[in-house]
Amino acid sequence: MNKKIVIYDPPMCCSSGVCGPDPDPILIDFQDTFTKLKQAGHDIERYIITQSPERFKENPQIIKLIQEQQLKVLPITTVDNVVVKTGGYPTGKELQDFINQK
């Protein structure tokens, strides 16, 4: 069964966060892994709060976390609509583990 992974991103200047003269190396690694997983056919999405606010509003647990902890809780990662990580991007290994969990 294919896991659905969604990353709810903080405000960013572009859709990947890998832009400007000095992009964050964590975002570069994450975007690379994200792209590879997407190309391999995995069900993985990213939503940026400023570009897709409706996606945040559709998920009550995401809204609750933001209300409780403000934007510092972002990014939030969910697997099959269950929050699995907050406040940082998942590593490539974490993403693989999420995909492979039973």
N, C-alpha and C. Protein backbone atom coordinates (compact mmCIF):
# COMPACT_ATOMS: atom_id res chain seq x y z
N MET A 1 0.84 -1.18 0.00
CA MET A 1 0.00 0.00 0.00
C MET A 1 0.89 1.25 0.00
N ASN A 2 0.57 2.18 -0.85
CA ASN A 2 1.36 3.40 -0.98
C ASN A 2 0.99 4.39 0.11
N LYS A 3 1.96 4.83 0.87
CA LYS A 3 1.75 5.81 1.93
C LYS A 3 1.62 7.20 1.33
N LYS A 4 0.73 8.01 1.90
CA LYS A 4 0.61 9.40 1.47
C LYS A 4 1.38 10.27 2.46
N ILE A 5 2.41 10.93 1.96
CA ILE A 5 3.24 11.81 2.78
C ILE A 5 2.97 13.25 2.36
N VAL A 6 2.69 14.09 3.35
CA VAL A 6 2.46 15.51 3.08
C VAL A 6 3.36 16.32 4.01
N ILE A 7 4.04 17.30 3.42
CA ILE A 7 4.86 18.22 4.19
C ILE A 7 4.17 19.59 4.10
N TYR A 8 3.86 20.14 5.26
CA TYR A 8 3.25 21.47 5.37
C TYR A 8 4.39 22.44 5.68
N ASP A 9 4.74 23.25 4.70
CA ASP A 9 5.90 24.14 4.77
C ASP A 9 5.57 25.51 5.36
N PRO A 10 6.59 26.14 5.97
CA PRO A 10 6.44 27.53 6.41
C PRO A 10 6.45 28.46 5.19
N PRO A 11 6.22 29.75 5.39
CA PRO A 11 6.31 30.70 4.27
C PRO A 11 7.69 30.63 3.63
N MET A 12 7.72 30.64 2.30
CA MET A 12 8.99 30.61 1.55
C MET A 12 8.89 31.52 0.33
N CYS A 13 10.04 31.85 -0.20
CA CYS A 13 10.08 32.74 -1.36
C CYS A 13 9.74 32.04 -2.67
N CYS A 14 9.86 30.71 -2.69
CA CYS A 14 9.54 29.96 -3.91
C CYS A 14 9.01 28.59 -3.51
N SER A 15 8.54 27.82 -4.48
CA SER A 15 7.87 26.56 -4.19
C SER A 15 8.76 25.50 -3.57
N SER A 16 10.06 25.57 -3.80
CA SER A 16 10.95 24.54 -3.24
C SER A 16 11.70 25.04 -2.00
N GLY A 17 11.78 26.35 -1.85
CA GLY A 17 12.58 26.91 -0.77
C GLY A 17 14.05 26.98 -1.11
N VAL A 18 14.41 26.46 -2.27
CA VAL A 18 15.81 26.44 -2.72
C VAL A 18 15.96 27.58 -3.73
N CYS A 19 16.10 28.78 -3.18
CA CYS A 19 16.20 29.95 -4.04
C CYS A 19 17.03 31.01 -3.34
N GLY A 20 17.31 32.06 -4.04
CA GLY A 20 18.12 33.13 -3.47
C GLY A 20 19.60 32.80 -3.53
N PRO A 21 20.42 33.73 -3.07
CA PRO A 21 21.87 33.56 -3.18
C PRO A 21 22.46 32.56 -2.18
N ASP A 22 21.74 32.24 -1.11
CA ASP A 22 22.30 31.37 -0.07
C ASP A 22 21.23 30.40 0.45
N PRO A 23 20.80 29.43 -0.39
CA PRO A 23 19.75 28.51 0.05
C PRO A 23 20.22 27.60 1.18
N ASP A 24 19.28 27.23 2.03
CA ASP A 24 19.54 26.36 3.18
C ASP A 24 19.94 24.96 2.68
N PRO A 25 21.10 24.45 3.10
CA PRO A 25 21.54 23.11 2.65
C PRO A 25 20.55 22.01 3.03
N ILE A 26 19.86 22.16 4.15
CA ILE A 26 18.86 21.15 4.54
C ILE A 26 17.74 21.12 3.52
N LEU A 27 17.32 22.30 3.06
CA LEU A 27 16.26 22.36 2.04
C LEU A 27 16.74 21.80 0.70
N ILE A 28 18.00 22.02 0.38
CA ILE A 28 18.54 21.46 -0.87
C ILE A 28 18.47 19.94 -0.83
N ASP A 29 18.94 19.35 0.26
CA ASP A 29 18.89 17.88 0.41
C ASP A 29 17.46 17.38 0.41
N PHE A 30 16.59 18.07 1.16
CA PHE A 30 15.19 17.64 1.24
C PHE A 30 14.54 17.70 -0.14
N GLN A 31 14.73 18.80 -0.87
CA GLN A 31 14.11 18.95 -2.19
C GLN A 31 14.60 17.88 -3.14
N ASP A 32 15.88 17.54 -3.07
CA ASP A 32 16.43 16.48 -3.92
C ASP A 32 15.75 15.14 -3.62
N THR A 33 15.64 14.81 -2.34
CA THR A 33 14.99 13.56 -1.94
C THR A 33 13.51 13.58 -2.33
N PHE A 34 12.85 14.69 -2.08
CA PHE A 34 11.43 14.84 -2.43
C PHE A 34 11.22 14.59 -3.93
N THR A 35 12.04 15.22 -4.75
CA THR A 35 11.92 15.07 -6.21
C THR A 35 12.13 13.62 -6.63
N LYS A 36 13.13 12.97 -6.07
CA LYS A 36 13.39 11.56 -6.41
C LYS A 36 12.23 10.66 -6.02
N LEU A 37 11.67 10.87 -4.84
CA LEU A 37 10.54 10.05 -4.40
C LEU A 37 9.32 10.29 -5.28
N LYS A 38 9.07 11.55 -5.62
CA LYS A 38 7.94 11.89 -6.49
C LYS A 38 8.11 11.22 -7.87
N GLN A 39 9.33 11.30 -8.42
CA GLN A 39 9.60 10.70 -9.72
C GLN A 39 9.49 9.18 -9.69
N ALA A 40 9.75 8.59 -8.52
CA ALA A 40 9.65 7.13 -8.37
C ALA A 40 8.20 6.69 -8.17
N GLY A 41 7.27 7.65 -8.14
CA GLY A 41 5.86 7.29 -8.05
C GLY A 41 5.27 7.30 -6.65
N HIS A 42 6.02 7.79 -5.68
CA HIS A 42 5.49 7.84 -4.33
C HIS A 42 4.51 9.00 -4.19
N ASP A 43 3.53 8.82 -3.32
CA ASP A 43 2.49 9.82 -3.08
C ASP A 43 3.01 10.79 -2.02
N ILE A 44 3.70 11.83 -2.48
CA ILE A 44 4.31 12.82 -1.59
C ILE A 44 4.01 14.21 -2.12
N GLU A 45 3.58 15.09 -1.21
CA GLU A 45 3.21 16.46 -1.59
C GLU A 45 3.80 17.44 -0.60
N ARG A 46 3.94 18.67 -1.07
CA ARG A 46 4.37 19.79 -0.21
C ARG A 46 3.38 20.92 -0.40
N TYR A 47 3.00 21.54 0.72
CA TYR A 47 2.12 22.70 0.68
C TYR A 47 2.76 23.82 1.49
N ILE A 48 2.91 24.97 0.87
CA ILE A 48 3.47 26.14 1.54
C ILE A 48 2.31 26.99 2.04
N ILE A 49 2.38 27.38 3.30
CA ILE A 49 1.26 28.06 3.94
C ILE A 49 0.82 29.31 3.18
N THR A 50 1.74 30.04 2.59
CA THR A 50 1.39 31.27 1.87
C THR A 50 0.87 31.01 0.46
N GLN A 51 1.16 29.83 -0.09
CA GLN A 51 0.74 29.52 -1.45
C GLN A 51 -0.46 28.58 -1.50
N SER A 52 -0.67 27.79 -0.45
CA SER A 52 -1.79 26.83 -0.41
C SER A 52 -2.46 26.83 0.95
N PRO A 53 -2.93 27.98 1.41
CA PRO A 53 -3.53 28.02 2.75
C PRO A 53 -4.74 27.10 2.89
N GLU A 54 -5.44 26.86 1.79
CA GLU A 54 -6.61 25.97 1.85
C GLU A 54 -6.23 24.55 2.26
N ARG A 55 -5.04 24.09 1.89
CA ARG A 55 -4.58 22.75 2.27
C ARG A 55 -4.36 22.65 3.78
N PHE A 56 -3.91 23.74 4.36
CA PHE A 56 -3.73 23.78 5.81
C PHE A 56 -5.09 23.75 6.50
N LYS A 57 -6.03 24.55 5.98
CA LYS A 57 -7.36 24.65 6.58
C LYS A 57 -8.13 23.33 6.49
N GLU A 58 -7.81 22.50 5.50
CA GLU A 58 -8.49 21.21 5.33
C GLU A 58 -8.11 20.20 6.41
N ASN A 59 -7.02 20.47 7.13
CA ASN A 59 -6.54 19.50 8.11
C ASN A 59 -6.60 20.11 9.52
N PRO A 60 -7.62 19.73 10.31
CA PRO A 60 -7.79 20.33 11.64
C PRO A 60 -6.59 20.14 12.57
N GLN A 61 -5.90 19.01 12.47
CA GLN A 61 -4.75 18.82 13.36
C GLN A 61 -3.60 19.75 13.02
N ILE A 62 -3.45 20.10 11.76
CA ILE A 62 -2.41 21.06 11.35
C ILE A 62 -2.76 22.45 11.90
N ILE A 63 -4.00 22.85 11.73
CA ILE A 63 -4.44 24.15 12.24
C ILE A 63 -4.26 24.21 13.76
N LYS A 64 -4.62 23.15 14.46
CA LYS A 64 -4.48 23.12 15.92
C LYS A 64 -3.01 23.28 16.34
N LEU A 65 -2.10 22.55 15.66
CA LEU A 65 -0.68 22.68 15.98
C LEU A 65 -0.18 24.09 15.76
N ILE A 66 -0.60 24.71 14.67
CA ILE A 66 -0.18 26.09 14.38
C ILE A 66 -0.75 27.05 15.41
N GLN A 67 -2.01 26.85 15.81
CA GLN A 67 -2.61 27.72 16.82
C GLN A 67 -1.88 27.58 18.16
N GLU A 68 -1.48 26.37 18.50
CA GLU A 68 -0.81 26.12 19.78
C GLU A 68 0.65 26.57 19.78
N GLN A 69 1.36 26.35 18.66
CA GLN A 69 2.81 26.57 18.63
C GLN A 69 3.27 27.64 17.65
N GLN A 70 2.32 28.26 16.97
CA GLN A 70 2.61 29.28 15.96
C GLN A 70 3.38 28.66 14.78
N LEU A 71 3.97 29.49 13.94
CA LEU A 71 4.64 29.01 12.73
C LEU A 71 5.93 28.26 13.01
N LYS A 72 6.45 28.34 14.23
CA LYS A 72 7.69 27.61 14.55
C LYS A 72 7.49 26.10 14.48
N VAL A 73 6.24 25.63 14.48
CA VAL A 73 5.96 24.19 14.39
C VAL A 73 6.19 23.67 12.95
N LEU A 74 6.22 24.60 11.98
CA LEU A 74 6.43 24.20 10.58
C LEU A 74 7.90 23.98 10.30
N PRO A 75 8.24 23.10 9.41
CA PRO A 75 7.37 22.23 8.65
C PRO A 75 6.80 21.09 9.50
N ILE A 76 5.62 20.64 9.07
CA ILE A 76 4.96 19.49 9.67
C ILE A 76 4.88 18.40 8.62
N THR A 77 5.25 17.19 9.00
CA THR A 77 5.16 16.04 8.08
C THR A 77 4.07 15.11 8.58
N THR A 78 3.19 14.71 7.66
CA THR A 78 2.18 13.71 7.98
C THR A 78 2.35 12.49 7.07
N VAL A 79 2.02 11.33 7.61
CA VAL A 79 1.98 10.10 6.83
C VAL A 79 0.58 9.54 7.03
N ASP A 80 -0.14 9.38 5.93
CA ASP A 80 -1.53 8.92 5.99
C ASP A 80 -2.33 9.73 7.01
N ASN A 81 -2.12 11.05 6.98
CA ASN A 81 -2.84 12.03 7.80
C ASN A 81 -2.51 11.95 9.29
N VAL A 82 -1.40 11.33 9.65
CA VAL A 82 -0.93 11.28 11.03
C VAL A 82 0.36 12.09 11.11
N VAL A 83 0.42 13.04 12.04
CA VAL A 83 1.62 13.85 12.21
C VAL A 83 2.76 12.96 12.71
N VAL A 84 3.88 12.97 11.97
CA VAL A 84 5.04 12.16 12.34
C VAL A 84 6.27 13.00 12.66
N LYS A 85 6.25 14.28 12.27
CA LYS A 85 7.41 15.14 12.57
C LYS A 85 6.97 16.60 12.50
N THR A 86 7.49 17.40 13.44
CA THR A 86 7.22 18.84 13.42
C THR A 86 8.52 19.60 13.62
N GLY A 87 8.54 20.84 13.13
CA GLY A 87 9.66 21.73 13.39
C GLY A 87 10.93 21.46 12.61
N GLY A 88 10.90 20.57 11.63
CA GLY A 88 12.08 20.27 10.82
C GLY A 88 11.71 19.35 9.67
N TYR A 89 12.54 19.37 8.65
CA TYR A 89 12.28 18.52 7.49
C TYR A 89 12.75 17.09 7.76
N PRO A 90 12.00 16.11 7.26
CA PRO A 90 12.46 14.73 7.42
C PRO A 90 13.70 14.47 6.56
N THR A 91 14.58 13.65 7.09
CA THR A 91 15.77 13.25 6.32
C THR A 91 15.36 12.23 5.26
N GLY A 92 16.25 11.94 4.36
CA GLY A 92 16.00 10.91 3.36
C GLY A 92 15.71 9.57 4.02
N LYS A 93 16.45 9.25 5.07
CA LYS A 93 16.23 7.98 5.78
C LYS A 93 14.86 7.97 6.45
N GLU A 94 14.49 9.08 7.08
CA GLU A 94 13.16 9.15 7.70
C GLU A 94 12.06 8.96 6.66
N LEU A 95 12.20 9.60 5.52
CA LEU A 95 11.19 9.45 4.46
C LEU A 95 11.08 8.00 4.00
N GLN A 96 12.24 7.35 3.82
CA GLN A 96 12.24 5.92 3.43
C GLN A 96 11.57 5.09 4.51
N ASP A 97 11.87 5.38 5.77
CA ASP A 97 11.25 4.65 6.88
C ASP A 97 9.73 4.86 6.86
N PHE A 98 9.27 6.08 6.62
CA PHE A 98 7.84 6.35 6.55
C PHE A 98 7.19 5.53 5.43
N ILE A 99 7.86 5.48 4.29
CA ILE A 99 7.33 4.74 3.13
C ILE A 99 7.27 3.24 3.42
N ASN A 100 8.29 2.72 4.12
CA ASN A 100 8.39 1.29 4.35
C ASN A 100 7.64 0.78 5.56
N GLN A 101 7.13 1.68 6.42
CA GLN A 101 6.46 1.21 7.63
C GLN A 101 5.15 0.51 7.26
N LYS A 102 4.86 -0.52 8.02
CA LYS A 102 3.66 -1.33 7.76
C LYS A 102 2.45 -0.70 8.37
